[in-house]
C-alpha atoms as a PDB file:
ATOM      1  CA  UNK A   1     -21.432  84.168 196.157  1.00  0.00           C
ATOM      2  CA  UNK A   2     -22.798  84.719 192.892  1.00  0.00           C
ATOM      3  CA  UNK A   3     -22.212  81.331 190.293  1.00  0.00           C
ATOM      4  CA  UNK A   4     -19.700  83.136 188.015  1.00  0.00           C
ATOM      5  CA  UNK A   5     -17.308  84.041 190.450  1.00  0.00           C
ATOM      6  CA  UNK A   6     -16.724  80.557 191.752  1.00  0.00           C
ATOM      7  CA  UNK A   7     -13.653  79.845 189.815  1.00  0.00           C
ATOM      8  CA  UNK A   8      -9.672  80.767 189.950  1.00  0.00           C
ATOM      9  CA  UNK A   9      -8.394  82.017 186.820  1.00  0.00           C
ATOM     10  CA  UNK A  10      -4.350  81.746 186.576  1.00  0.00           C
ATOM     11  CA  UNK A  11      -2.287  82.486 183.481  1.00  0.00           C
ATOM     12  CA  UNK A  12       1.266  83.192 183.813  1.00  0.00           C
ATOM     13  CA  UNK A  13       3.004  86.122 181.894  1.00  0.00           C
ATOM     14  CA  UNK A  14       5.350  85.689 178.594  1.00  0.00           C
ATOM     15  CA  UNK A  15       6.957  88.935 179.293  1.00  0.00           C
ATOM     16  CA  UNK A  16       8.783  89.443 181.809  1.00  0.00           C
ATOM     17  CA  UNK A  17       8.836  92.703 184.092  1.00  0.00           C
ATOM     18  CA  UNK A  18      11.537  94.424 185.340  1.00  0.00           C
ATOM     19  CA  UNK A  19      13.124  92.801 188.171  1.00  0.00           C
ATOM     20  CA  UNK A  20      14.145  95.810 189.401  1.00  0.00           C
ATOM     21  CA  UNK A  21      10.773  96.876 189.885  1.00  0.00           C
ATOM     22  CA  UNK A  22       8.455  96.299 192.938  1.00  0.00           C
ATOM     23  CA  UNK A  23       6.068  93.581 192.401  1.00  0.00           C
ATOM     24  CA  UNK A  24       2.926  95.990 193.913  1.00  0.00           C
ATOM     25  CA  UNK A  25       4.397  98.837 191.324  1.00  0.00           C
ATOM     26  CA  UNK A  26       4.008  96.360 188.416  1.00  0.00           C
ATOM     27  CA  UNK A  27       0.158  95.051 189.943  1.00  0.00           C
ATOM     28  CA  UNK A  28      -1.007  98.407 190.057  1.00  0.00           C
ATOM     29  CA  UNK A  29       0.939  99.339 186.940  1.00  0.00           C
ATOM     30  CA  UNK A  30      -0.790  96.698 184.947  1.00  0.00           C
ATOM     31  CA  UNK A  31      -4.010  97.309 186.314  1.00  0.00           C
ATOM     32  CA  UNK A  32      -4.071 100.802 185.631  1.00  0.00           C
ATOM     33  CA  UNK A  33      -3.287 100.637 181.765  1.00  0.00           C
ATOM     34  CA  UNK A  34      -4.778  98.043 179.932  1.00  0.00           C
ATOM     35  CA  UNK A  35      -1.940  96.957 177.295  1.00  0.00           C
ATOM     36  CA  UNK A  36       0.460  96.372 179.956  1.00  0.00           C
ATOM     37  CA  UNK A  37      -2.165  94.586 181.512  1.00  0.00           C
ATOM     38  CA  UNK A  38      -2.719  92.564 178.072  1.00  0.00           C
ATOM     39  CA  UNK A  39       1.336  92.100 178.191  1.00  0.00           C
ATOM     40  CA  UNK A  40       0.761  90.439 181.603  1.00  0.00           C
ATOM     41  CA  UNK A  41      -0.518  86.951 180.171  1.00  0.00           C
ATOM     42  CA  UNK A  42      -0.408  86.544 176.459  1.00  0.00           C
ATOM     43  CA  UNK A  43      -0.141  82.386 177.190  1.00  0.00           C
ATOM     44  CA  UNK A  44      -3.243  80.330 175.910  1.00  0.00           C
ATOM     45  CA  UNK A  45      -5.277  78.350 178.362  1.00  0.00           C
ATOM     46  CA  UNK A  46      -4.296  75.066 178.774  1.00  0.00           C
ATOM     47  CA  UNK A  47      -5.001  71.693 179.821  1.00  0.00           C
ATOM     48  CA  UNK A  48      -1.765  71.628 181.698  1.00  0.00           C
ATOM     49  CA  UNK A  49      -2.220  75.005 183.540  1.00  0.00           C
ATOM     50  CA  UNK A  50      -5.825  73.501 184.681  1.00  0.00           C
ATOM     51  CA  UNK A  51      -4.054  70.377 185.967  1.00  0.00           C
ATOM     52  CA  UNK A  52      -1.654  72.222 188.042  1.00  0.00           C
ATOM     53  CA  UNK A  53      -4.271  74.079 190.064  1.00  0.00           C
ATOM     54  CA  UNK A  54      -6.157  70.817 190.480  1.00  0.00           C
ATOM     55  CA  UNK A  55      -3.110  68.899 191.506  1.00  0.00           C
ATOM     56  CA  UNK A  56      -2.071  71.517 193.669  1.00  0.00           C
ATOM     57  CA  UNK A  57      -5.211  71.366 195.380  1.00  0.00           C
ATOM     58  CA  UNK A  58      -5.241  67.843 195.791  1.00  0.00           C
ATOM     59  CA  UNK A  59      -1.988  67.753 197.229  1.00  0.00           C
ATOM     60  CA  UNK A  60      -3.109  70.050 199.844  1.00  0.00           C
ATOM     61  CA  UNK A  61      -6.425  68.066 200.518  1.00  0.00           C
ATOM     62  CA  UNK A  62      -3.959  65.118 200.813  1.00  0.00           C
ATOM     63  CA  UNK A  63      -1.880  66.695 203.425  1.00  0.00           C
ATOM     64  CA  UNK A  64      -5.068  68.393 205.007  1.00  0.00           C
ATOM     65  CA  UNK A  65      -6.350  64.993 205.578  1.00  0.00           C
ATOM     66  CA  UNK A  66      -2.768  63.500 207.101  1.00  0.00           C
ATOM     67  CA  UNK A  67      -3.102  66.259 209.600  1.00  0.00           C
ATOM     68  CA  UNK A  68      -6.743  66.328 210.043  1.00  0.00           C
ATOM     69  CA  UNK A  69      -6.240  63.542 213.257  1.00  0.00           C
ATOM     70  CA  UNK A  70      -4.707  66.436 215.214  1.00  0.00           C
ATOM     71  CA  UNK A  71      -7.801  69.035 214.934  1.00  0.00           C
ATOM     72  CA  UNK A  72      -9.986  69.755 217.740  1.00  0.00           C
ATOM     73  CA  UNK A  73     -12.637  68.023 215.620  1.00  0.00           C
ATOM     74  CA  UNK A  74     -11.491  64.842 214.541  1.00  0.00           C
ATOM     75  CA  UNK A  75      -9.686  64.466 218.335  1.00  0.00           C
ATOM     76  CA  UNK A  76     -13.212  64.417 220.055  1.00  0.00           C
ATOM     77  CA  UNK A  77     -14.797  62.589 217.821  1.00  0.00           C
ATOM     78  CA  UNK A  78     -12.005  59.813 218.217  1.00  0.00           C
ATOM     79  CA  UNK A  79     -12.481  59.944 221.574  1.00  0.00           C
ATOM     80  CA  UNK A  80     -16.319  59.630 221.320  1.00  0.00           C
ATOM     81  CA  UNK A  81     -15.529  56.308 218.894  1.00  0.00           C
ATOM     82  CA  UNK A  82     -12.823  55.320 221.634  1.00  0.00           C
ATOM     83  CA  UNK A  83     -13.538  55.935 224.987  1.00  0.00           C
ATOM     84  CA  UNK A  84     -17.211  54.041 225.297  1.00  0.00           C
ATOM     85  CA  UNK A  85     -15.470  51.038 223.984  1.00  0.00           C
ATOM     86  CA  UNK A  86     -12.819  51.149 226.301  1.00  0.00           C
ATOM     87  CA  UNK A  87     -15.414  51.552 229.513  1.00  0.00           C
ATOM     88  CA  UNK A  88     -17.492  48.453 227.485  1.00  0.00           C
ATOM     89  CA  UNK A  89     -14.534  46.214 227.592  1.00  0.00           C
ATOM     90  CA  UNK A  90     -13.148  46.654 230.952  1.00  0.00           C
ATOM     91  CA  UNK A  91     -16.757  46.076 232.241  1.00  0.00           C
ATOM     92  CA  UNK A  92     -17.536  42.758 230.250  1.00  0.00           C
ATOM     93  CA  UNK A  93     -13.451  41.670 231.405  1.00  0.00           C
ATOM     94  CA  UNK A  94     -13.888  42.394 234.672  1.00  0.00           C
ATOM     95  CA  UNK A  95     -17.118  39.862 235.174  1.00  0.00           C
ATOM     96  CA  UNK A  96     -16.215  37.906 232.820  1.00  0.00           C
ATOM     97  CA  UNK A  97     -12.388  37.114 232.670  1.00  0.00           C
ATOM     98  CA  UNK A  98     -12.050  34.520 235.065  1.00  0.00           C
ATOM     99  CA  UNK A  99     -15.141  33.043 234.173  1.00  0.00           C
ATOM    100  CA  UNK A 100     -14.512  28.751 233.871  1.00  0.00           C
ATOM    101  CA  UNK A 101     -15.757  28.717 230.792  1.00  0.00           C
ATOM    102  CA  UNK A 102     -13.391  31.404 229.000  1.00  0.00           C
ATOM    103  CA  UNK A 103     -10.555  28.980 229.687  1.00  0.00           C
ATOM    104  CA  UNK A 104     -10.419  27.756 226.099  1.00  0.00           C
ATOM    105  CA  UNK A 105     -11.154  31.692 225.200  1.00  0.00           C
ATOM    106  CA  UNK A 106      -7.533  32.995 225.865  1.00  0.00           C
ATOM    107  CA  UNK A 107      -7.185  34.341 222.392  1.00  0.00           C
ATOM    108  CA  UNK A 108      -9.969  36.362 222.560  1.00  0.00           C
ATOM    109  CA  UNK A 109      -9.539  37.760 225.998  1.00  0.00           C
ATOM    110  CA  UNK A 110      -6.196  38.944 225.024  1.00  0.00           C
ATOM    111  CA  UNK A 111      -7.183  40.478 222.251  1.00  0.00           C
ATOM    112  CA  UNK A 112      -9.739  42.578 223.560  1.00  0.00           C
ATOM    113  CA  UNK A 113      -7.224  43.313 226.693  1.00  0.00           C
ATOM    114  CA  UNK A 114      -4.656  44.187 224.028  1.00  0.00           C
ATOM    115  CA  UNK A 115      -7.415  46.323 221.717  1.00  0.00           C
ATOM    116  CA  UNK A 116      -8.446  48.075 224.459  1.00  0.00           C
ATOM    117  CA  UNK A 117      -5.539  49.467 226.092  1.00  0.00           C
ATOM    118  CA  UNK A 118      -4.277  50.187 222.943  1.00  0.00           C
ATOM    119  CA  UNK A 119      -7.645  52.481 221.978  1.00  0.00           C
ATOM    120  CA  UNK A 120      -7.231  54.337 225.851  1.00  0.00           C
ATOM    121  CA  UNK A 121      -3.734  54.940 224.422  1.00  0.00           C
ATOM    122  CA  UNK A 122      -4.461  56.030 221.292  1.00  0.00           C
ATOM    123  CA  UNK A 123      -6.991  58.544 222.622  1.00  0.00           C
ATOM    124  CA  UNK A 124      -4.216  60.020 224.643  1.00  0.00           C
ATOM    125  CA  UNK A 125      -1.594  60.553 222.014  1.00  0.00           C
ATOM    126  CA  UNK A 126      -3.852  62.010 220.582  1.00  0.00           C
ATOM    127  CA  UNK A 127      -4.870  64.902 222.764  1.00  0.00           C
ATOM    128  CA  UNK A 128      -1.248  65.188 222.863  1.00  0.00           C
ATOM    129  CA  UNK A 129      -0.704  65.698 219.460  1.00  0.00           C
ATOM    130  CA  UNK A 130      -3.108  68.091 219.018  1.00  0.00           C
ATOM    131  CA  UNK A 131      -2.260  69.954 222.134  1.00  0.00           C
ATOM    132  CA  UNK A 132       1.584  70.130 220.917  1.00  0.00           C
ATOM    133  CA  UNK A 133       0.113  71.546 217.491  1.00  0.00           C
ATOM    134  CA  UNK A 134      -1.417  74.710 219.111  1.00  0.00           C
ATOM    135  CA  UNK A 135       1.498  76.904 218.041  1.00  0.00           C
ATOM    136  CA  UNK A 136      -0.351  80.089 217.904  1.00  0.00           C
ATOM    137  CA  UNK A 137      -1.970  79.368 220.896  1.00  0.00           C
ATOM    138  CA  UNK A 138      -2.059  82.339 223.865  1.00  0.00           C
ATOM    139  CA  UNK A 139      -1.426  79.008 225.980  1.00  0.00           C
ATOM    140  CA  UNK A 140       0.738  76.947 224.544  1.00  0.00           C
ATOM    141  CA  UNK A 141       2.311  74.295 226.673  1.00  0.00           C
ATOM    142  CA  UNK A 142       5.947  74.600 226.955  1.00  0.00           C
ATOM    143  CA  UNK A 143       7.149  70.512 226.952  1.00  0.00           C
ATOM    144  CA  UNK A 144       5.807  70.742 222.695  1.00  0.00           C
ATOM    145  CA  UNK A 145       9.107  71.078 221.420  1.00  0.00           C
ATOM    146  CA  UNK A 146      10.065  70.542 217.973  1.00  0.00           C
ATOM    147  CA  UNK A 147      11.595  66.690 219.430  1.00  0.00           C
ATOM    148  CA  UNK A 148       8.749  66.521 221.143  1.00  0.00           C
ATOM    149  CA  UNK A 149       6.344  67.007 218.305  1.00  0.00           C
ATOM    150  CA  UNK A 150       8.511  64.447 216.566  1.00  0.00           C
ATOM    151  CA  UNK A 151       8.177  61.855 219.002  1.00  0.00           C
ATOM    152  CA  UNK A 152       4.531  61.971 219.349  1.00  0.00           C
ATOM    153  CA  UNK A 153       3.748  62.537 215.708  1.00  0.00           C
ATOM    154  CA  UNK A 154       6.230  58.945 215.213  1.00  0.00           C
ATOM    155  CA  UNK A 155       4.393  57.695 218.067  1.00  0.00           C
ATOM    156  CA  UNK A 156       0.851  58.159 216.876  1.00  0.00           C
ATOM    157  CA  UNK A 157       1.380  56.504 213.288  1.00  0.00           C
ATOM    158  CA  UNK A 158       3.235  53.489 214.997  1.00  0.00           C
ATOM    159  CA  UNK A 159      -0.056  52.884 217.058  1.00  0.00           C
ATOM    160  CA  UNK A 160      -1.662  53.101 213.594  1.00  0.00           C
ATOM    161  CA  UNK A 161       0.022  50.675 212.496  1.00  0.00           C
ATOM    162  CA  UNK A 162      -0.498  48.715 215.444  1.00  0.00           C
ATOM    163  CA  UNK A 163      -4.280  48.619 215.405  1.00  0.00           C
ATOM    164  CA  UNK A 164      -4.198  47.865 211.541  1.00  0.00           C
ATOM    165  CA  UNK A 165      -2.038  44.524 212.608  1.00  0.00           C
ATOM    166  CA  UNK A 166      -3.847  43.982 215.571  1.00  0.00           C
ATOM    167  CA  UNK A 167      -7.443  43.823 213.590  1.00  0.00           C
ATOM    168  CA  UNK A 168      -5.911  41.618 211.153  1.00  0.00           C
ATOM    169  CA  UNK A 169      -5.113  39.024 214.105  1.00  0.00           C
ATOM    170  CA  UNK A 170      -8.637  39.627 215.659  1.00  0.00           C
ATOM    171  CA  UNK A 171     -10.018  39.124 212.688  1.00  0.00           C
ATOM    172  CA  UNK A 172      -8.489  35.474 212.001  1.00  0.00           C
ATOM    173  CA  UNK A 173      -8.967  34.624 215.793  1.00  0.00           C
ATOM    174  CA  UNK A 174     -12.819  35.702 216.247  1.00  0.00           C
ATOM    175  CA  UNK A 175     -13.494  33.904 213.151  1.00  0.00           C
ATOM    176  CA  UNK A 176     -11.800  30.436 214.324  1.00  0.00           C
ATOM    177  CA  UNK A 177     -12.897  31.137 218.312  1.00  0.00           C
ATOM    178  CA  UNK A 178     -16.480  31.242 217.079  1.00  0.00           C
ATOM    179  CA  UNK A 179     -17.736  27.745 217.682  1.00  0.00           C
ATOM    180  CA  UNK A 180     -16.991  27.521 221.780  1.00  0.00           C
ATOM    181  CA  UNK A 181     -16.562  31.588 222.542  1.00  0.00           C
ATOM    182  CA  UNK A 182     -20.005  32.618 221.257  1.00  0.00           C
ATOM    183  CA  UNK A 183     -21.855  30.818 223.972  1.00  0.00           C
ATOM    184  CA  UNK A 184     -23.153  31.176 227.464  1.00  0.00           C
ATOM    185  CA  UNK A 185     -20.542  33.612 229.565  1.00  0.00           C
ATOM    186  CA  UNK A 186     -18.282  33.123 226.572  1.00  0.00           C
ATOM    187  CA  UNK A 187     -20.781  34.983 224.301  1.00  0.00           C
ATOM    188  CA  UNK A 188     -20.298  38.138 226.040  1.00  0.00           C
ATOM    189  CA  UNK A 189     -16.342  38.138 225.596  1.00  0.00           C
ATOM    190  CA  UNK A 190     -17.156  37.525 222.161  1.00  0.00           C
ATOM    191  CA  UNK A 191     -19.772  39.867 221.106  1.00  0.00           C
ATOM    192  CA  UNK A 192     -17.889  42.823 222.731  1.00  0.00           C
ATOM    193  CA  UNK A 193     -15.011  41.506 220.790  1.00  0.00           C
ATOM    194  CA  UNK A 194     -17.021  41.341 217.735  1.00  0.00           C
ATOM    195  CA  UNK A 195     -18.849  44.500 218.143  1.00  0.00           C
ATOM    196  CA  UNK A 196     -14.650  46.502 218.105  1.00  0.00           C
ATOM    197  CA  UNK A 197     -13.721  44.706 215.372  1.00  0.00           C
ATOM    198  CA  UNK A 198     -16.842  46.065 213.371  1.00  0.00           C
ATOM    199  CA  UNK A 199     -15.845  49.409 214.446  1.00  0.00           C
ATOM    200  CA  UNK A 200     -12.396  49.382 212.878  1.00  0.00           C
ATOM    201  CA  UNK A 201     -14.186  48.343 210.140  1.00  0.00           C
ATOM    202  CA  UNK A 202     -16.633  51.339 209.807  1.00  0.00           C
ATOM    203  CA  UNK A 203     -13.165  53.438 210.938  1.00  0.00           C
ATOM    204  CA  UNK A 204     -11.353  51.997 207.857  1.00  0.00           C
ATOM    205  CA  UNK A 205     -13.777  52.068 204.753  1.00  0.00           C
ATOM    206  CA  UNK A 206     -15.419  55.553 206.190  1.00  0.00           C
ATOM    207  CA  UNK A 207     -13.087  57.795 204.830  1.00  0.00           C
ATOM    208  CA  UNK A 208     -12.633  55.469 201.544  1.00  0.00           C
ATOM    209  CA  UNK A 209     -16.163  55.851 200.566  1.00  0.00           C
ATOM    210  CA  UNK A 210     -15.970  59.679 201.676  1.00  0.00           C
ATOM    211  CA  UNK A 211     -13.022  60.055 199.429  1.00  0.00           C
ATOM    212  CA  UNK A 212     -14.527  58.128 196.657  1.00  0.00           C
ATOM    213  CA  UNK A 213     -17.870  60.961 197.328  1.00  0.00           C
ATOM    214  CA  UNK A 214     -15.272  64.061 196.994  1.00  0.00           C
ATOM    215  CA  UNK A 215     -13.750  62.714 193.703  1.00  0.00           C
ATOM    216  CA  UNK A 216     -16.602  64.603 191.439  1.00  0.00           C
ATOM    217  CA  UNK A 217     -16.087  67.858 194.027  1.00  0.00           C
ATOM    218  CA  UNK A 218     -12.462  67.697 192.954  1.00  0.00           C
ATOM    219  CA  UNK A 219     -12.907  67.523 189.463  1.00  0.00           C
ATOM    220  CA  UNK A 220     -16.045  70.095 188.610  1.00  0.00           C
ATOM    221  CA  UNK A 221     -16.399  71.838 191.592  1.00  0.00           C
ATOM    222  CA  UNK A 222     -13.011  72.521 192.830  1.00  0.00           C
ATOM    223  CA  UNK A 223     -14.185  76.230 194.750  1.00  0.00           C
ATOM    224  CA  UNK A 224     -16.739  73.771 196.451  1.00  0.00           C
ATOM    225  CA  UNK A 225     -13.747  71.526 197.761  1.00  0.00           C
ATOM    226  CA  UNK A 226     -11.695  75.080 198.655  1.00  0.00           C
ATOM    227  CA  UNK A 227     -14.335  75.966 200.872  1.00  0.00           C
ATOM    228  CA  UNK A 228     -14.793  73.032 202.222  1.00  0.00           C
ATOM    229  CA  UNK A 229     -11.742  73.030 203.233  1.00  0.00           C
ATOM    230  CA  UNK A 230     -11.457  76.279 204.552  1.00  0.00           C
ATOM    231  CA  UNK A 231     -14.011  75.009 206.992  1.00  0.00           C
ATOM    232  CA  UNK A 232     -12.408  72.075 208.498  1.00  0.00           C
ATOM    233  CA  UNK A 233      -9.163  74.172 208.861  1.00  0.00           C
ATOM    234  CA  UNK A 234      -8.017  74.571 212.316  1.00  0.00           C
ATOM    235  CA  UNK A 235      -7.929  77.787 213.172  1.00  0.00           C
ATOM    236  CA  UNK A 236      -4.755  77.678 215.125  1.00  0.00           C
ATOM    237  CA  UNK A 237      -2.074  76.385 212.235  1.00  0.00           C
ATOM    238  CA  UNK A 238      -2.342  80.187 210.719  1.00  0.00           C
ATOM    239  CA  UNK A 239      -0.802  78.689 207.283  1.00  0.00           C
ATOM    240  CA  UNK A 240      -3.978  80.949 205.337  1.00  0.00           C
ATOM    241  CA  UNK A 241      -3.492  84.739 205.065  1.00  0.00           C
ATOM    242  CA  UNK A 242      -5.345  87.284 207.312  1.00  0.00           C
ATOM    243  CA  UNK A 243      -8.274  89.376 205.563  1.00  0.00           C
ATOM    244  CA  UNK A 244      -5.954  92.333 206.065  1.00  0.00           C
ATOM    245  CA  UNK A 245      -3.317  91.198 204.094  1.00  0.00           C
ATOM    246  CA  UNK A 246      -5.563  89.569 200.941  1.00  0.00           C
ATOM    247  CA  UNK A 247      -7.386  93.011 201.054  1.00  0.00           C
ATOM    248  CA  UNK A 248      -3.903  94.818 200.039  1.00  0.00           C
ATOM    249  CA  UNK A 249      -3.520  92.672 196.865  1.00  0.00           C
ATOM    250  CA  UNK A 250      -4.353  94.525 193.754  1.00  0.00           C
ATOM    251  CA  UNK A 251      -7.584  94.014 192.030  1.00  0.00           C
ATOM    252  CA  UNK A 252      -8.834  94.961 188.550  1.00  0.00           C
ATOM    253  CA  UNK A 253     -12.438  94.623 186.641  1.00  0.00           C
ATOM    254  CA  UNK A 254     -12.355  92.872 183.793  1.00  0.00           C
ATOM    255  CA  UNK A 255     -13.175  94.105 180.357  1.00  0.00           C
ATOM    256  CA  UNK A 256     -12.790  92.932 176.991  1.00  0.00           C
ATOM    257  CA  UNK A 257      -9.887  94.689 176.161  1.00  0.00           C
ATOM    258  CA  UNK A 258      -8.170  93.248 179.286  1.00  0.00           C
ATOM    259  CA  UNK A 259      -7.111  89.933 178.541  1.00  0.00           C
ATOM    260  CA  UNK A 260      -7.170  87.906 174.409  1.00  0.00           C
ATOM    261  CA  UNK A 261     -10.439  86.466 174.170  1.00  0.00           C
ATOM    262  CA  UNK A 262      -9.551  82.752 174.352  1.00  0.00           C
ATOM    263  CA  UNK A 263      -7.358  83.902 177.719  1.00  0.00           C
ATOM    264  CA  UNK A 264     -10.661  85.720 179.695  1.00  0.00           C
ATOM    265  CA  UNK A 265     -11.627  82.109 181.383  1.00  0.00           C
ATOM    266  CA  UNK A 266     -11.532  80.786 184.708  1.00  0.00           C
ATOM    267  CA  UNK A 267      -9.019  77.630 184.815  1.00  0.00           C
ATOM    268  CA  UNK A 268     -10.821  76.330 188.089  1.00  0.00           C
ATOM    269  CA  UNK A 269     -14.676  76.653 187.739  1.00  0.00           C
ATOM    270  CA  UNK A 270     -13.940  76.860 183.672  1.00  0.00           C
ATOM    271  CA  UNK A 271     -16.385  80.234 183.564  1.00  0.00           C
ATOM    272  CA  UNK A 272     -15.673  83.067 181.093  1.00  0.00           C
ATOM    273  CA  UNK A 273     -15.319  86.291 182.826  1.00  0.00           C
ATOM    274  CA  UNK A 274     -17.884  88.828 182.891  1.00  0.00           C
ATOM    275  CA  UNK A 275     -17.148  92.442 182.162  1.00  0.00           C
ATOM    276  CA  UNK A 276     -16.819  94.018 184.894  1.00  0.00           C
ATOM    277  CA  UNK A 277     -15.842  90.966 187.201  1.00  0.00           C
ATOM    278  CA  UNK A 278     -13.343  91.716 189.586  1.00  0.00           C
ATOM    279  CA  UNK A 279      -9.981  89.873 189.419  1.00  0.00           C
ATOM    280  CA  UNK A 280      -7.455  89.712 192.054  1.00  0.00           C
ATOM    281  CA  UNK A 281      -3.780  89.930 190.331  1.00  0.00           C
ATOM    282  CA  UNK A 282      -0.965  88.258 192.692  1.00  0.00           C
ATOM    283  CA  UNK A 283       2.038  89.504 192.948  1.00  0.00           C
ATOM    284  CA  UNK A 284       3.419  86.241 190.664  1.00  0.00           C
ATOM    285  CA  UNK A 285       1.280  88.052 187.877  1.00  0.00           C
ATOM    286  CA  UNK A 286      -1.599  85.460 188.371  1.00  0.00           C
ATOM    287  CA  UNK A 287      -5.074  86.154 188.158  1.00  0.00           C
ATOM    288  CA  UNK A 288      -8.118  85.138 189.335  1.00  0.00           C
ATOM    289  CA  UNK A 289     -11.826  85.871 190.204  1.00  0.00           C
ATOM    290  CA  UNK A 290     -11.423  87.949 193.696  1.00  0.00           C
ATOM    291  CA  UNK A 291     -13.885  86.023 195.738  1.00  0.00           C
ATOM    292  CA  UNK A 292     -12.218  83.037 194.741  1.00  0.00           C
ATOM    293  CA  UNK A 293      -9.094  83.527 195.286  1.00  0.00           C
ATOM    294  CA  UNK A 294      -9.835  85.305 198.419  1.00  0.00           C
ATOM    295  CA  UNK A 295     -11.133  81.987 199.470  1.00  0.00           C
ATOM    296  CA  UNK A 296      -8.501  80.380 198.806  1.00  0.00           C
ATOM    297  CA  UNK A 297      -5.917  82.390 200.580  1.00  0.00           C
ATOM    298  CA  UNK A 298      -7.757  82.336 203.430  1.00  0.00           C
ATOM    299  CA  UNK A 299      -7.251  78.533 203.532  1.00  0.00           C
ATOM    300  CA  UNK A 300      -3.137  78.634 202.297  1.00  0.00           C
ATOM    301  CA  UNK A 301      -1.276  81.884 201.616  1.00  0.00           C
ATOM    302  CA  UNK A 302       0.553  81.140 198.279  1.00  0.00           C
ATOM    303  CA  UNK A 303      -0.697  81.155 195.011  1.00  0.00           C
ATOM    304  CA  UNK A 304      -3.117  77.702 193.969  1.00  0.00           C
ATOM    305  CA  UNK A 305      -1.048  77.250 190.203  1.00  0.00           C
ATOM    306  CA  UNK A 306       2.875  78.205 191.462  1.00  0.00           C
ATOM    307  CA  UNK A 307       2.347  78.061 194.851  1.00  0.00           C
ATOM    308  CA  UNK A 308       4.636  81.166 195.309  1.00  0.00           C
ATOM    309  CA  UNK A 309       3.706  83.160 198.595  1.00  0.00           C
ATOM    310  CA  UNK A 310       1.792  85.794 198.381  1.00  0.00           C
ATOM    311  CA  UNK A 311       4.007  88.125 200.563  1.00  0.00           C
ATOM    312  CA  UNK A 312       5.656  90.683 198.506  1.00  0.00           C
ATOM    313  CA  UNK A 313       8.935  89.973 199.471  1.00  0.00           C
ATOM    314  CA  UNK A 314       8.979  86.041 199.096  1.00  0.00           C
ATOM    315  CA  UNK A 315       7.554  86.526 195.902  1.00  0.00           C
ATOM    316  CA  UNK A 316      10.375  89.083 194.846  1.00  0.00           C
ATOM    317  CA  UNK A 317      12.517  86.292 196.133  1.00  0.00           C
ATOM    318  CA  UNK A 318      11.392  83.563 194.410  1.00  0.00           C
ATOM    319  CA  UNK A 319      10.748  85.219 190.702  1.00  0.00           C
ATOM    320  CA  UNK A 320      14.723  85.858 191.391  1.00  0.00           C
ATOM    321  CA  UNK A 321      15.657  82.980 191.484  1.00  0.00           C
ATOM    322  CA  UNK A 322      12.843  81.298 189.422  1.00  0.00           C
ATOM    323  CA  UNK A 323      12.306  82.269 185.240  1.00  0.00           C
ATOM    324  CA  UNK A 324       8.272  84.331 185.406  1.00  0.00           C
ATOM    325  CA  UNK A 325       7.570  82.279 182.142  1.00  0.00           C
ATOM    326  CA  UNK A 326       7.707  78.819 184.050  1.00  0.00           C
ATOM    327  CA  UNK A 327       4.881  77.488 185.561  1.00  0.00           C
ATOM    328  CA  UNK A 328       5.721  75.304 188.209  1.00  0.00           C
END
């Protein structure tokens, strides 16, 4: 994609189009008559518009992050990290559980046992949640009713809270038992528990570091973030629009007479429109660079500014219930 195309430029009209006119007809009419198109969006670009789009994308990112644990990639990564710990801890406990030298390390033994069980159950539940969320999969499991899915999600979050609590307990016990459990036979159990604690620290702080690293992207390179979200989306979620649906949306080439000079800029990448660039006009009358909004719609089939659906029927219903001059 060319650099000047990397943006989404939403505006809101101040002159409402008659409510009884179809959305597609209104958009195509706007694309035919420059005067009508100029009347689409008389509002000046503002900080509020830029903020609204970025907040909408950030909310989508947060929601995606909350659901990321149910994607195939994440459950595979979870299994790769957790199952080796389960195997290693099981071997260590089988070899040294009854060792007399571990008589004073009961807290360490039981912490390792409970943590191992927690890791195994977590992997099982995460895979169950993943399969239950395959709503559009042709071989969707029949037991994945809304009640079962809700129960699985509740169990998953409960396991996360339990894991955090048990991690804090392990920190205290490992520090207090180091003197008499870190030597001889007890050293094997102690080292296993210490390794589990270290892995827990990595799992807790790595997402935080990634989030901090992504903040500049959210602020200064939103199209890049949209592409990242597009790549990370589970194809079975079905929240984005298909390329065929996106292709039916009206598009117009930009000319100097299309919008006022101060209105012909991009709210996302903050680039000005360039003559002959192709703009996409949604049914809500917000307009964008075509390439950029197409990237967004593949992830989420709603307007980045007002979050109205690109489905004409839904858009008309929203327009009937909401003042078209208000950006929500």
